[in-house]
């Protein structure tokens, strides 16, 4: 969608420039250079983030120290800061420092409200047995993006509310049987006489999406 909007915007600009007798080739070249600089910057950051993510698996404390230094830098952009804090919160979650995980995800929430951060914080709340707070975060996340009914269903599994879990999974599955095929798997499991309930949230939104600029040729 973002690529489509970008192309339409470029076509509009080039049409206006043509009507006004401006140098379209020069404008294209300038935009091409800007796009290249932007794409190079995105790729560099993705490489750095991937490196930190891999480091966090084998040496979580070292990764946390590196993130701590970066987050206190005045040169760190807001988007990168959110990425770093999200990774930091996940690391704390993985090493069972759930209070610090909640604290970190709460910082991101104050900077930039996002259902992904709310769901992540809910996962830590569950580990701390703070179920009302977890439920509140997940309800708010699902209001912003219906996808998070998946994690809301997870919550109801954890708290052994089978019917509510199935209801949320069915909502997603019926909206798109291909994308949310995994919801059917949980519905089937929960329909058994003695189902194996989830004991924590299952996150399926961890894949990063990289957006590049593609100027018209």
N, C-alpha and C. Protein backbone atom coordinates (compact mmCIF):
# COMPACT_ATOMS: atom_id res chain seq x y z
N UNK A 1 0.83 -1.20 0.00
CA UNK A 1 0.00 0.00 0.00
C UNK A 1 0.87 1.26 0.00
N UNK A 2 1.93 1.26 0.84
CA UNK A 2 2.78 2.44 0.90
C UNK A 2 3.49 2.66 -0.41
N UNK A 3 3.91 1.56 -1.09
CA UNK A 3 4.55 1.67 -2.38
C UNK A 3 3.58 2.24 -3.40
N UNK A 4 2.33 1.78 -3.38
CA UNK A 4 1.32 2.25 -4.32
C UNK A 4 1.08 3.75 -4.15
N UNK A 5 0.95 4.19 -2.90
CA UNK A 5 0.74 5.60 -2.63
C UNK A 5 1.93 6.42 -3.10
N UNK A 6 3.13 5.87 -2.92
CA UNK A 6 4.32 6.58 -3.33
C UNK A 6 4.35 6.76 -4.84
N UNK A 7 4.04 5.70 -5.58
CA UNK A 7 4.04 5.77 -7.03
C UNK A 7 3.00 6.75 -7.53
N UNK A 8 1.80 6.72 -6.95
CA UNK A 8 0.75 7.66 -7.34
C UNK A 8 1.18 9.09 -7.07
N UNK A 9 1.84 9.32 -5.95
CA UNK A 9 2.30 10.66 -5.61
C UNK A 9 3.33 11.13 -6.62
N UNK A 10 4.23 10.22 -7.00
CA UNK A 10 5.26 10.58 -7.98
C UNK A 10 4.64 10.92 -9.32
N UNK A 11 3.64 10.13 -9.74
CA UNK A 11 2.99 10.39 -11.02
C UNK A 11 2.33 11.76 -11.01
N UNK A 12 1.72 12.11 -9.88
CA UNK A 12 1.07 13.41 -9.76
C UNK A 12 2.09 14.54 -9.85
N UNK A 13 3.22 14.35 -9.15
CA UNK A 13 4.27 15.38 -9.16
C UNK A 13 4.83 15.55 -10.56
N UNK A 14 5.14 14.39 -11.23
CA UNK A 14 5.73 14.48 -12.56
C UNK A 14 4.76 15.10 -13.56
N UNK A 15 3.47 14.83 -13.43
CA UNK A 15 2.47 15.41 -14.33
C UNK A 15 2.41 16.92 -14.15
N UNK A 16 2.41 17.39 -12.89
CA UNK A 16 2.37 18.82 -12.62
C UNK A 16 3.63 19.50 -13.15
N UNK A 17 4.77 18.82 -12.96
CA UNK A 17 6.03 19.40 -13.43
C UNK A 17 6.04 19.51 -14.95
N UNK A 18 5.49 18.50 -15.61
CA UNK A 18 5.46 18.50 -17.06
C UNK A 18 4.59 19.65 -17.56
N UNK A 19 3.45 19.84 -16.91
CA UNK A 19 2.53 20.91 -17.30
C UNK A 19 3.15 22.29 -17.07
N UNK A 20 4.03 22.38 -16.08
CA UNK A 20 4.64 23.66 -15.75
C UNK A 20 5.97 23.86 -16.47
N UNK A 21 6.36 22.89 -17.31
CA UNK A 21 7.58 23.01 -18.08
C UNK A 21 8.84 22.83 -17.27
N UNK A 22 8.79 22.14 -16.14
CA UNK A 22 9.97 21.93 -15.31
C UNK A 22 10.77 20.73 -15.81
N UNK A 23 12.03 20.63 -15.38
CA UNK A 23 12.94 19.57 -15.81
C UNK A 23 12.62 18.29 -15.03
N UNK A 24 11.81 17.40 -15.63
CA UNK A 24 11.40 16.17 -14.96
C UNK A 24 12.58 15.26 -14.70
N UNK A 25 13.50 15.16 -15.67
CA UNK A 25 14.66 14.28 -15.50
C UNK A 25 15.49 14.69 -14.29
N UNK A 26 15.66 15.99 -14.10
CA UNK A 26 16.43 16.49 -12.97
C UNK A 26 15.73 16.14 -11.65
N UNK A 27 14.40 16.30 -11.65
CA UNK A 27 13.62 15.98 -10.45
C UNK A 27 13.72 14.49 -10.14
N UNK A 28 13.64 13.66 -11.20
CA UNK A 28 13.77 12.22 -11.00
C UNK A 28 15.13 11.85 -10.42
N UNK A 29 16.16 12.48 -10.96
CA UNK A 29 17.52 12.18 -10.49
C UNK A 29 17.69 12.58 -9.03
N UNK A 30 17.16 13.75 -8.66
CA UNK A 30 17.26 14.20 -7.27
C UNK A 30 16.52 13.26 -6.33
N UNK A 31 15.33 12.85 -6.78
CA UNK A 31 14.57 11.93 -5.95
C UNK A 31 15.27 10.58 -5.85
N UNK A 32 15.86 10.15 -6.97
CA UNK A 32 16.58 8.88 -6.98
C UNK A 32 17.72 8.87 -5.99
N UNK A 33 18.43 9.99 -5.90
CA UNK A 33 19.54 10.09 -4.96
C UNK A 33 19.02 10.08 -3.52
N UNK A 34 17.93 10.80 -3.29
CA UNK A 34 17.32 10.82 -1.96
C UNK A 34 16.85 9.43 -1.55
N UNK A 35 16.23 8.72 -2.51
CA UNK A 35 15.75 7.37 -2.24
C UNK A 35 16.91 6.43 -1.91
N UNK A 36 18.01 6.58 -2.64
CA UNK A 36 19.18 5.73 -2.39
C UNK A 36 19.73 5.96 -0.99
N UNK A 37 19.84 7.22 -0.60
CA UNK A 37 20.34 7.54 0.74
C UNK A 37 19.42 6.96 1.81
N UNK A 38 18.12 7.08 1.59
CA UNK A 38 17.15 6.55 2.54
C UNK A 38 17.25 5.03 2.64
N UNK A 39 17.30 4.37 1.47
CA UNK A 39 17.38 2.91 1.45
C UNK A 39 18.65 2.39 2.11
N UNK A 40 19.76 3.08 1.85
CA UNK A 40 21.04 2.70 2.47
C UNK A 40 20.95 2.82 3.99
N UNK A 41 20.29 3.88 4.44
CA UNK A 41 20.13 4.10 5.88
C UNK A 41 19.28 3.00 6.51
N UNK A 42 18.18 2.62 5.80
CA UNK A 42 17.30 1.55 6.29
C UNK A 42 18.04 0.23 6.37
N UNK A 43 18.79 -0.09 5.32
CA UNK A 43 19.53 -1.36 5.29
C UNK A 43 20.60 -1.41 6.38
N UNK A 44 21.25 -0.29 6.61
CA UNK A 44 22.28 -0.24 7.66
C UNK A 44 21.66 -0.50 9.02
N UNK A 45 20.51 0.14 9.28
CA UNK A 45 19.86 -0.05 10.57
C UNK A 45 19.35 -1.48 10.74
N UNK A 46 18.81 -2.06 9.68
CA UNK A 46 18.32 -3.44 9.76
C UNK A 46 19.46 -4.40 10.07
N UNK A 47 20.63 -4.14 9.50
CA UNK A 47 21.79 -4.99 9.78
C UNK A 47 22.22 -4.85 11.23
N UNK A 48 22.20 -3.63 11.75
CA UNK A 48 22.57 -3.39 13.14
C UNK A 48 21.57 -4.05 14.09
N UNK A 49 20.30 -3.93 13.76
CA UNK A 49 19.25 -4.51 14.61
C UNK A 49 19.34 -6.03 14.61
N UNK A 50 19.58 -6.61 13.44
CA UNK A 50 19.71 -8.06 13.35
C UNK A 50 20.89 -8.55 14.16
N UNK A 51 21.99 -7.80 14.09
CA UNK A 51 23.18 -8.16 14.87
C UNK A 51 22.89 -8.15 16.36
N UNK A 52 22.17 -7.12 16.83
CA UNK A 52 21.80 -7.04 18.24
C UNK A 52 20.87 -8.18 18.64
N UNK A 53 19.94 -8.50 17.76
CA UNK A 53 18.99 -9.58 18.03
C UNK A 53 19.70 -10.92 18.20
N UNK A 54 20.66 -11.18 17.31
CA UNK A 54 21.43 -12.42 17.40
C UNK A 54 22.28 -12.44 18.66
N UNK A 55 22.86 -11.28 19.00
CA UNK A 55 23.68 -11.18 20.21
C UNK A 55 22.84 -11.45 21.45
N UNK A 56 21.59 -11.01 21.43
CA UNK A 56 20.73 -11.17 22.60
C UNK A 56 20.42 -12.63 22.91
N UNK A 57 20.56 -13.49 21.90
CA UNK A 57 20.29 -14.92 22.10
C UNK A 57 21.40 -15.56 22.91
N UNK A 58 22.65 -15.28 22.53
CA UNK A 58 23.80 -15.91 23.19
C UNK A 58 24.31 -15.10 24.38
N UNK A 59 24.21 -13.78 24.28
CA UNK A 59 24.75 -12.92 25.35
C UNK A 59 23.75 -11.80 25.65
N UNK A 60 22.63 -12.12 26.30
CA UNK A 60 21.59 -11.12 26.55
C UNK A 60 22.06 -9.92 27.37
N UNK A 61 22.94 -10.13 28.34
CA UNK A 61 23.42 -9.02 29.16
C UNK A 61 24.27 -8.06 28.34
N UNK A 62 25.11 -8.61 27.48
CA UNK A 62 25.94 -7.77 26.59
C UNK A 62 25.04 -6.96 25.67
N UNK A 63 24.02 -7.62 25.12
CA UNK A 63 23.08 -6.93 24.23
C UNK A 63 22.36 -5.81 24.98
N UNK A 64 21.94 -6.08 26.21
CA UNK A 64 21.26 -5.06 27.01
C UNK A 64 22.16 -3.86 27.25
N UNK A 65 23.43 -4.10 27.51
CA UNK A 65 24.37 -2.99 27.73
C UNK A 65 24.52 -2.14 26.48
N UNK A 66 24.59 -2.79 25.33
CA UNK A 66 24.70 -2.05 24.06
C UNK A 66 23.44 -1.23 23.80
N UNK A 67 22.29 -1.82 24.07
CA UNK A 67 21.02 -1.12 23.87
C UNK A 67 20.92 0.06 24.83
N UNK A 68 21.37 -0.14 26.07
CA UNK A 68 21.32 0.93 27.07
C UNK A 68 22.12 2.14 26.60
N UNK A 69 23.30 1.91 26.05
CA UNK A 69 24.12 3.01 25.55
C UNK A 69 23.43 3.73 24.39
N UNK A 70 22.83 2.95 23.50
CA UNK A 70 22.19 3.53 22.31
C UNK A 70 20.95 4.33 22.67
N UNK A 71 20.16 3.83 23.64
CA UNK A 71 18.92 4.52 23.99
C UNK A 71 19.15 5.84 24.69
N UNK A 72 20.33 6.01 25.30
CA UNK A 72 20.62 7.27 25.97
C UNK A 72 21.37 8.26 25.08
N UNK A 73 21.55 7.87 23.82
CA UNK A 73 22.21 8.75 22.88
C UNK A 73 21.23 9.75 22.31
N UNK A 74 21.63 11.01 22.27
CA UNK A 74 20.76 12.06 21.71
C UNK A 74 20.61 11.93 20.20
N UNK A 75 21.48 11.11 19.58
CA UNK A 75 21.45 10.97 18.13
C UNK A 75 20.53 9.84 17.66
N UNK A 76 19.94 9.11 18.61
CA UNK A 76 19.08 7.99 18.24
C UNK A 76 17.70 8.49 17.83
N UNK A 77 17.30 8.18 16.59
CA UNK A 77 16.00 8.61 16.09
C UNK A 77 14.88 7.89 16.83
N UNK A 78 13.70 8.50 16.82
CA UNK A 78 12.56 7.95 17.57
C UNK A 78 12.22 6.53 17.11
N UNK A 79 12.20 6.30 15.79
CA UNK A 79 11.86 4.98 15.28
C UNK A 79 12.87 3.94 15.75
N UNK A 80 14.15 4.29 15.69
CA UNK A 80 15.19 3.38 16.14
C UNK A 80 15.09 3.17 17.65
N UNK A 81 14.75 4.23 18.38
CA UNK A 81 14.62 4.13 19.83
C UNK A 81 13.51 3.14 20.18
N UNK A 82 12.39 3.21 19.48
CA UNK A 82 11.30 2.27 19.71
C UNK A 82 11.74 0.83 19.43
N UNK A 83 12.49 0.65 18.34
CA UNK A 83 13.00 -0.68 18.00
C UNK A 83 13.89 -1.22 19.12
N UNK A 84 14.79 -0.36 19.60
CA UNK A 84 15.72 -0.77 20.65
C UNK A 84 15.00 -1.11 21.94
N UNK A 85 14.03 -0.28 22.31
CA UNK A 85 13.29 -0.53 23.54
C UNK A 85 12.45 -1.80 23.43
N UNK A 86 11.90 -2.04 22.25
CA UNK A 86 11.11 -3.26 22.05
C UNK A 86 12.00 -4.48 22.20
N UNK A 87 13.19 -4.44 21.61
CA UNK A 87 14.13 -5.54 21.74
C UNK A 87 14.56 -5.70 23.19
N UNK A 88 14.79 -4.58 23.87
CA UNK A 88 15.18 -4.61 25.28
C UNK A 88 14.09 -5.27 26.13
N UNK A 89 12.84 -4.90 25.90
CA UNK A 89 11.74 -5.50 26.63
C UNK A 89 11.64 -7.00 26.40
N UNK A 90 11.88 -7.42 25.15
CA UNK A 90 11.84 -8.84 24.82
C UNK A 90 12.97 -9.60 25.50
N UNK A 91 14.13 -8.97 25.57
CA UNK A 91 15.27 -9.63 26.23
C UNK A 91 14.96 -9.84 27.71
N UNK A 92 14.44 -8.81 28.36
CA UNK A 92 14.07 -8.94 29.77
C UNK A 92 13.04 -10.06 29.95
N UNK A 93 12.11 -10.15 29.00
CA UNK A 93 11.09 -11.20 29.07
C UNK A 93 11.75 -12.58 28.98
N UNK A 94 12.70 -12.72 28.07
CA UNK A 94 13.35 -14.02 27.85
C UNK A 94 14.20 -14.45 29.03
N UNK A 95 14.74 -13.48 29.78
CA UNK A 95 15.58 -13.85 30.94
C UNK A 95 14.79 -13.77 32.24
N UNK A 96 13.46 -13.74 32.09
CA UNK A 96 12.54 -13.79 33.24
C UNK A 96 12.59 -12.56 34.14
N UNK A 97 13.02 -11.43 33.59
CA UNK A 97 12.97 -10.17 34.35
C UNK A 97 11.69 -9.45 33.93
N UNK A 98 10.57 -9.98 34.37
CA UNK A 98 9.27 -9.54 33.86
C UNK A 98 8.90 -8.12 34.30
N UNK A 99 9.29 -7.72 35.50
CA UNK A 99 9.00 -6.35 35.94
C UNK A 99 9.75 -5.34 35.08
N UNK A 100 11.00 -5.64 34.76
CA UNK A 100 11.77 -4.75 33.89
C UNK A 100 11.21 -4.77 32.47
N UNK A 101 10.68 -5.91 32.06
CA UNK A 101 10.05 -6.01 30.74
C UNK A 101 8.84 -5.09 30.67
N UNK A 102 7.99 -5.14 31.70
CA UNK A 102 6.82 -4.26 31.77
C UNK A 102 7.25 -2.81 31.76
N UNK A 103 8.26 -2.49 32.55
CA UNK A 103 8.74 -1.10 32.63
C UNK A 103 9.21 -0.61 31.27
N UNK A 104 9.93 -1.46 30.56
CA UNK A 104 10.46 -1.07 29.25
C UNK A 104 9.36 -0.89 28.22
N UNK A 105 8.43 -1.83 28.16
CA UNK A 105 7.32 -1.72 27.21
C UNK A 105 6.44 -0.52 27.54
N UNK A 106 6.38 -0.15 28.80
CA UNK A 106 5.58 1.01 29.20
C UNK A 106 6.21 2.30 28.69
N UNK A 107 7.54 2.34 28.64
CA UNK A 107 8.23 3.51 28.10
C UNK A 107 7.86 3.68 26.63
N UNK A 108 7.87 2.58 25.87
CA UNK A 108 7.52 2.65 24.45
C UNK A 108 6.08 3.10 24.29
N UNK A 109 5.21 2.57 25.13
CA UNK A 109 3.79 2.92 25.05
C UNK A 109 3.58 4.42 25.21
N UNK A 110 4.35 5.02 26.09
CA UNK A 110 4.23 6.47 26.30
C UNK A 110 4.76 7.25 25.11
N UNK A 111 5.75 6.67 24.42
CA UNK A 111 6.33 7.36 23.26
C UNK A 111 5.48 7.18 22.01
N UNK A 112 4.94 5.99 21.85
CA UNK A 112 4.24 5.69 20.60
C UNK A 112 3.25 4.55 20.83
N UNK A 113 1.98 4.87 21.01
CA UNK A 113 0.96 3.85 21.25
C UNK A 113 0.90 2.88 20.07
N UNK A 114 1.06 1.60 20.36
CA UNK A 114 1.00 0.59 19.31
C UNK A 114 0.47 -0.71 19.90
N UNK A 115 -0.40 -1.42 19.20
CA UNK A 115 -0.93 -2.67 19.73
C UNK A 115 0.15 -3.72 19.96
N UNK A 116 1.21 -3.67 19.15
CA UNK A 116 2.29 -4.64 19.32
C UNK A 116 2.95 -4.49 20.69
N UNK A 117 3.14 -3.25 21.12
CA UNK A 117 3.76 -3.00 22.42
C UNK A 117 2.81 -3.37 23.56
N UNK A 118 1.53 -3.09 23.36
CA UNK A 118 0.54 -3.44 24.38
C UNK A 118 0.48 -4.95 24.59
N UNK A 119 0.49 -5.69 23.49
CA UNK A 119 0.45 -7.15 23.59
C UNK A 119 1.71 -7.69 24.25
N UNK A 120 2.85 -7.10 23.91
CA UNK A 120 4.11 -7.53 24.51
C UNK A 120 4.08 -7.29 26.02
N UNK A 121 3.59 -6.14 26.43
CA UNK A 121 3.52 -5.84 27.86
C UNK A 121 2.54 -6.78 28.55
N UNK A 122 1.45 -7.11 27.87
CA UNK A 122 0.46 -8.04 28.43
C UNK A 122 1.10 -9.39 28.73
N UNK A 123 2.00 -9.81 27.84
CA UNK A 123 2.68 -11.08 28.06
C UNK A 123 3.48 -11.08 29.34
N UNK A 124 4.13 -9.96 29.62
CA UNK A 124 4.91 -9.84 30.86
C UNK A 124 3.99 -9.75 32.07
N UNK A 125 2.87 -9.04 31.92
CA UNK A 125 1.90 -8.95 33.01
C UNK A 125 1.39 -10.34 33.41
N UNK A 126 1.16 -11.19 32.41
CA UNK A 126 0.68 -12.54 32.68
C UNK A 126 1.71 -13.31 33.51
N UNK A 127 2.98 -13.15 33.16
CA UNK A 127 4.03 -13.83 33.91
C UNK A 127 4.09 -13.35 35.35
N UNK A 128 3.63 -12.13 35.59
CA UNK A 128 3.62 -11.57 36.94
C UNK A 128 2.28 -11.82 37.64
N UNK A 129 1.41 -12.60 36.96
CA UNK A 129 0.07 -12.89 37.49
C UNK A 129 -0.77 -11.63 37.69
N UNK A 130 -0.50 -10.61 36.89
CA UNK A 130 -1.29 -9.38 36.94
C UNK A 130 -2.29 -9.43 35.77
N UNK A 131 -3.25 -10.33 35.91
CA UNK A 131 -4.15 -10.64 34.81
C UNK A 131 -5.08 -9.50 34.40
N UNK A 132 -5.63 -8.71 35.33
CA UNK A 132 -6.48 -7.60 34.89
C UNK A 132 -5.74 -6.60 34.00
N UNK A 133 -4.47 -6.33 34.33
CA UNK A 133 -3.68 -5.40 33.51
C UNK A 133 -3.40 -6.01 32.14
N UNK A 134 -3.12 -7.29 32.11
CA UNK A 134 -2.88 -7.97 30.84
C UNK A 134 -4.13 -7.93 29.97
N UNK A 135 -5.27 -8.22 30.57
CA UNK A 135 -6.52 -8.21 29.82
C UNK A 135 -6.82 -6.82 29.27
N UNK A 136 -6.60 -5.80 30.07
CA UNK A 136 -6.85 -4.43 29.62
C UNK A 136 -5.99 -4.08 28.41
N UNK A 137 -4.70 -4.45 28.47
CA UNK A 137 -3.80 -4.17 27.34
C UNK A 137 -4.25 -4.90 26.09
N UNK A 138 -4.66 -6.14 26.23
CA UNK A 138 -5.03 -6.94 25.07
C UNK A 138 -6.35 -6.48 24.46
N UNK A 139 -7.28 -6.06 25.29
CA UNK A 139 -8.54 -5.52 24.77
C UNK A 139 -8.26 -4.24 23.98
N UNK A 140 -7.41 -3.37 24.53
CA UNK A 140 -7.06 -2.13 23.83
C UNK A 140 -6.32 -2.42 22.53
N UNK A 141 -5.42 -3.40 22.55
CA UNK A 141 -4.67 -3.76 21.35
C UNK A 141 -5.61 -4.28 20.26
N UNK A 142 -6.57 -5.11 20.65
CA UNK A 142 -7.50 -5.69 19.67
C UNK A 142 -8.47 -4.65 19.11
N UNK A 143 -8.71 -3.57 19.87
CA UNK A 143 -9.54 -2.48 19.36
C UNK A 143 -8.81 -1.70 18.27
N UNK A 144 -7.49 -1.59 18.43
CA UNK A 144 -6.68 -0.88 17.44
C UNK A 144 -6.50 -1.74 16.19
N UNK A 145 -6.24 -3.03 16.41
CA UNK A 145 -6.01 -3.95 15.30
C UNK A 145 -6.63 -5.30 15.67
N UNK A 146 -7.61 -5.75 14.91
CA UNK A 146 -8.34 -6.97 15.23
C UNK A 146 -7.44 -8.19 15.29
N UNK A 147 -6.28 -8.13 14.65
CA UNK A 147 -5.34 -9.26 14.70
C UNK A 147 -5.08 -9.69 16.14
N UNK A 148 -5.05 -8.73 17.05
CA UNK A 148 -4.66 -9.03 18.43
C UNK A 148 -5.75 -9.77 19.21
N UNK A 149 -6.85 -10.09 18.53
CA UNK A 149 -7.80 -11.03 19.12
C UNK A 149 -7.14 -12.41 19.26
N UNK A 150 -6.10 -12.63 18.46
CA UNK A 150 -5.32 -13.86 18.61
C UNK A 150 -4.70 -13.92 20.01
N UNK A 151 -4.01 -12.85 20.40
CA UNK A 151 -3.40 -12.82 21.73
C UNK A 151 -4.45 -12.74 22.83
N UNK A 152 -5.59 -12.12 22.53
CA UNK A 152 -6.67 -12.08 23.50
C UNK A 152 -7.20 -13.51 23.72
N UNK A 153 -7.29 -14.27 22.64
CA UNK A 153 -7.66 -15.67 22.75
C UNK A 153 -6.65 -16.45 23.58
N UNK A 154 -5.35 -16.13 23.35
CA UNK A 154 -4.29 -16.76 24.15
C UNK A 154 -4.50 -16.50 25.64
N UNK A 155 -4.85 -15.24 25.94
CA UNK A 155 -5.07 -14.86 27.34
C UNK A 155 -6.17 -15.72 27.97
N UNK A 156 -7.26 -15.89 27.23
CA UNK A 156 -8.37 -16.66 27.77
C UNK A 156 -8.00 -18.14 27.92
N UNK A 157 -7.08 -18.61 27.07
CA UNK A 157 -6.58 -19.97 27.27
C UNK A 157 -5.78 -20.07 28.56
N UNK A 158 -4.88 -19.13 28.76
CA UNK A 158 -4.04 -19.12 29.95
C UNK A 158 -4.90 -19.12 31.22
N UNK A 159 -6.00 -18.37 31.16
CA UNK A 159 -6.88 -18.26 32.33
C UNK A 159 -8.02 -19.29 32.30
N UNK A 160 -7.89 -20.27 31.38
CA UNK A 160 -8.81 -21.40 31.28
C UNK A 160 -10.26 -20.99 31.01
N UNK A 161 -10.42 -19.93 30.22
CA UNK A 161 -11.76 -19.51 29.79
C UNK A 161 -11.93 -19.95 28.33
N UNK A 162 -12.19 -21.23 28.18
CA UNK A 162 -12.17 -21.87 26.86
C UNK A 162 -13.14 -21.25 25.86
N UNK A 163 -14.35 -20.99 26.27
CA UNK A 163 -15.36 -20.46 25.35
C UNK A 163 -14.97 -19.09 24.82
N UNK A 164 -14.42 -18.25 25.69
CA UNK A 164 -13.99 -16.91 25.26
C UNK A 164 -12.80 -16.99 24.31
N UNK A 165 -11.92 -17.95 24.57
CA UNK A 165 -10.77 -18.14 23.68
C UNK A 165 -11.25 -18.55 22.30
N UNK A 166 -12.13 -19.53 22.23
CA UNK A 166 -12.65 -20.01 20.96
C UNK A 166 -13.36 -18.89 20.20
N UNK A 167 -14.13 -18.07 20.92
CA UNK A 167 -14.86 -16.97 20.28
C UNK A 167 -13.92 -16.02 19.57
N UNK A 168 -12.79 -15.67 20.21
CA UNK A 168 -11.83 -14.75 19.59
C UNK A 168 -11.11 -15.39 18.41
N UNK A 169 -10.78 -16.66 18.54
CA UNK A 169 -10.14 -17.36 17.43
C UNK A 169 -11.09 -17.48 16.24
N UNK A 170 -12.35 -17.76 16.52
CA UNK A 170 -13.34 -17.90 15.44
C UNK A 170 -13.53 -16.58 14.70
N UNK A 171 -13.49 -15.48 15.43
CA UNK A 171 -13.65 -14.16 14.81
C UNK A 171 -12.58 -13.97 13.73
N UNK A 172 -11.34 -14.27 14.08
CA UNK A 172 -10.25 -14.09 13.11
C UNK A 172 -10.32 -15.12 11.99
N UNK A 173 -10.56 -16.37 12.35
CA UNK A 173 -10.58 -17.43 11.34
C UNK A 173 -11.67 -17.20 10.31
N UNK A 174 -12.82 -16.77 10.73
CA UNK A 174 -13.93 -16.53 9.80
C UNK A 174 -13.69 -15.30 8.93
N UNK A 175 -12.83 -14.39 9.41
CA UNK A 175 -12.51 -13.20 8.61
C UNK A 175 -11.52 -13.51 7.50
N UNK A 176 -10.67 -14.53 7.71
CA UNK A 176 -9.68 -14.91 6.70
C UNK A 176 -9.18 -16.31 7.03
N UNK A 177 -9.73 -17.32 6.39
CA UNK A 177 -9.39 -18.71 6.73
C UNK A 177 -7.97 -19.10 6.32
N UNK A 178 -7.36 -18.32 5.42
CA UNK A 178 -5.99 -18.63 4.99
C UNK A 178 -4.98 -18.00 5.96
N UNK A 179 -5.09 -16.69 6.14
CA UNK A 179 -4.15 -15.98 7.00
C UNK A 179 -4.20 -16.50 8.44
N UNK A 180 -5.40 -16.77 8.90
CA UNK A 180 -5.56 -17.17 10.31
C UNK A 180 -5.86 -18.67 10.45
N UNK A 181 -5.20 -19.45 9.61
CA UNK A 181 -5.37 -20.90 9.68
C UNK A 181 -4.96 -21.43 11.04
N UNK A 182 -3.96 -20.80 11.65
CA UNK A 182 -3.48 -21.27 12.96
C UNK A 182 -4.55 -21.12 14.04
N UNK A 183 -5.52 -20.24 13.83
CA UNK A 183 -6.63 -20.12 14.80
C UNK A 183 -7.47 -21.38 14.81
N UNK A 184 -7.64 -21.99 13.64
CA UNK A 184 -8.42 -23.23 13.56
C UNK A 184 -7.74 -24.33 14.35
N UNK A 185 -6.42 -24.34 14.35
CA UNK A 185 -5.68 -25.34 15.10
C UNK A 185 -5.99 -25.23 16.60
N UNK A 186 -6.08 -23.97 17.09
CA UNK A 186 -6.39 -23.78 18.51
C UNK A 186 -7.86 -24.13 18.80
N UNK A 187 -8.74 -23.78 17.86
CA UNK A 187 -10.16 -24.11 18.03
C UNK A 187 -10.33 -25.62 18.14
N UNK A 188 -9.64 -26.33 17.25
CA UNK A 188 -9.70 -27.79 17.25
C UNK A 188 -9.17 -28.37 18.56
N UNK A 189 -8.05 -27.82 19.02
CA UNK A 189 -7.45 -28.30 20.26
C UNK A 189 -8.37 -28.04 21.45
N UNK A 190 -8.94 -26.84 21.50
CA UNK A 190 -9.80 -26.48 22.63
C UNK A 190 -11.13 -27.22 22.61
N UNK A 191 -11.49 -27.78 21.47
CA UNK A 191 -12.74 -28.52 21.36
C UNK A 191 -12.60 -29.95 21.89
N UNK A 192 -11.38 -30.35 22.18
CA UNK A 192 -11.16 -31.68 22.74
C UNK A 192 -11.66 -31.73 24.19
N UNK A 193 -11.90 -32.93 24.67
CA UNK A 193 -12.40 -33.08 26.04
C UNK A 193 -11.38 -32.58 27.06
N UNK A 194 -10.11 -32.87 26.82
CA UNK A 194 -9.04 -32.43 27.71
C UNK A 194 -7.97 -31.70 26.89
N UNK A 195 -8.24 -30.46 26.55
CA UNK A 195 -7.30 -29.71 25.70
C UNK A 195 -6.03 -29.33 26.43
N UNK A 196 -4.97 -29.13 25.63
CA UNK A 196 -3.72 -28.59 26.16
C UNK A 196 -3.77 -27.07 26.02
N UNK A 197 -4.00 -26.41 27.13
CA UNK A 197 -4.12 -24.95 27.11
C UNK A 197 -2.74 -24.30 26.98
N UNK A 198 -2.70 -23.15 26.31
CA UNK A 198 -1.48 -22.35 26.29
C UNK A 198 -1.20 -21.84 27.70
N UNK A 199 0.07 -21.66 28.01
CA UNK A 199 0.45 -21.15 29.34
C UNK A 199 1.03 -19.74 29.26
N UNK A 200 1.19 -19.22 28.05
CA UNK A 200 1.67 -17.85 27.84
C UNK A 200 1.21 -17.38 26.47
N UNK A 201 1.38 -16.10 26.22
CA UNK A 201 0.97 -15.58 24.92
C UNK A 201 1.87 -16.11 23.82
N UNK A 202 1.29 -16.36 22.66
CA UNK A 202 2.04 -16.80 21.49
C UNK A 202 2.11 -15.65 20.50
N UNK A 203 3.32 -15.13 20.29
CA UNK A 203 3.49 -13.94 19.45
C UNK A 203 3.83 -14.34 18.02
N UNK A 204 3.03 -13.83 17.09
CA UNK A 204 3.26 -14.11 15.67
C UNK A 204 3.49 -12.83 14.88
N UNK A 205 3.77 -11.73 15.59
CA UNK A 205 3.94 -10.44 14.91
C UNK A 205 5.36 -9.91 15.06
N UNK A 206 6.33 -10.83 15.14
CA UNK A 206 7.70 -10.41 15.38
C UNK A 206 8.51 -10.18 14.10
N UNK A 207 7.95 -10.57 12.95
CA UNK A 207 8.66 -10.34 11.69
C UNK A 207 8.71 -8.85 11.38
N UNK A 208 9.89 -8.37 11.05
CA UNK A 208 10.06 -6.95 10.74
C UNK A 208 9.75 -6.69 9.26
N UNK A 209 9.14 -5.55 9.00
CA UNK A 209 8.82 -5.15 7.63
C UNK A 209 9.69 -3.96 7.25
N UNK A 210 10.47 -4.15 6.19
CA UNK A 210 11.36 -3.09 5.73
C UNK A 210 10.75 -2.41 4.51
N UNK A 211 10.62 -1.10 4.56
CA UNK A 211 10.04 -0.34 3.46
C UNK A 211 11.13 0.48 2.78
N UNK A 212 11.29 0.27 1.47
CA UNK A 212 12.24 1.02 0.67
C UNK A 212 11.48 1.97 -0.27
N UNK A 213 12.18 2.98 -0.71
CA UNK A 213 11.63 3.90 -1.71
C UNK A 213 12.05 3.45 -3.08
N UNK A 214 11.09 3.38 -4.00
CA UNK A 214 11.37 2.95 -5.36
C UNK A 214 10.93 4.05 -6.32
N UNK A 215 11.83 4.95 -6.66
CA UNK A 215 11.46 6.05 -7.58
C UNK A 215 11.15 5.52 -8.98
N UNK A 216 10.26 6.20 -9.68
CA UNK A 216 9.91 5.81 -11.05
C UNK A 216 11.12 5.96 -11.96
N UNK A 217 11.30 5.01 -12.88
CA UNK A 217 12.43 5.07 -13.80
C UNK A 217 12.07 5.82 -15.07
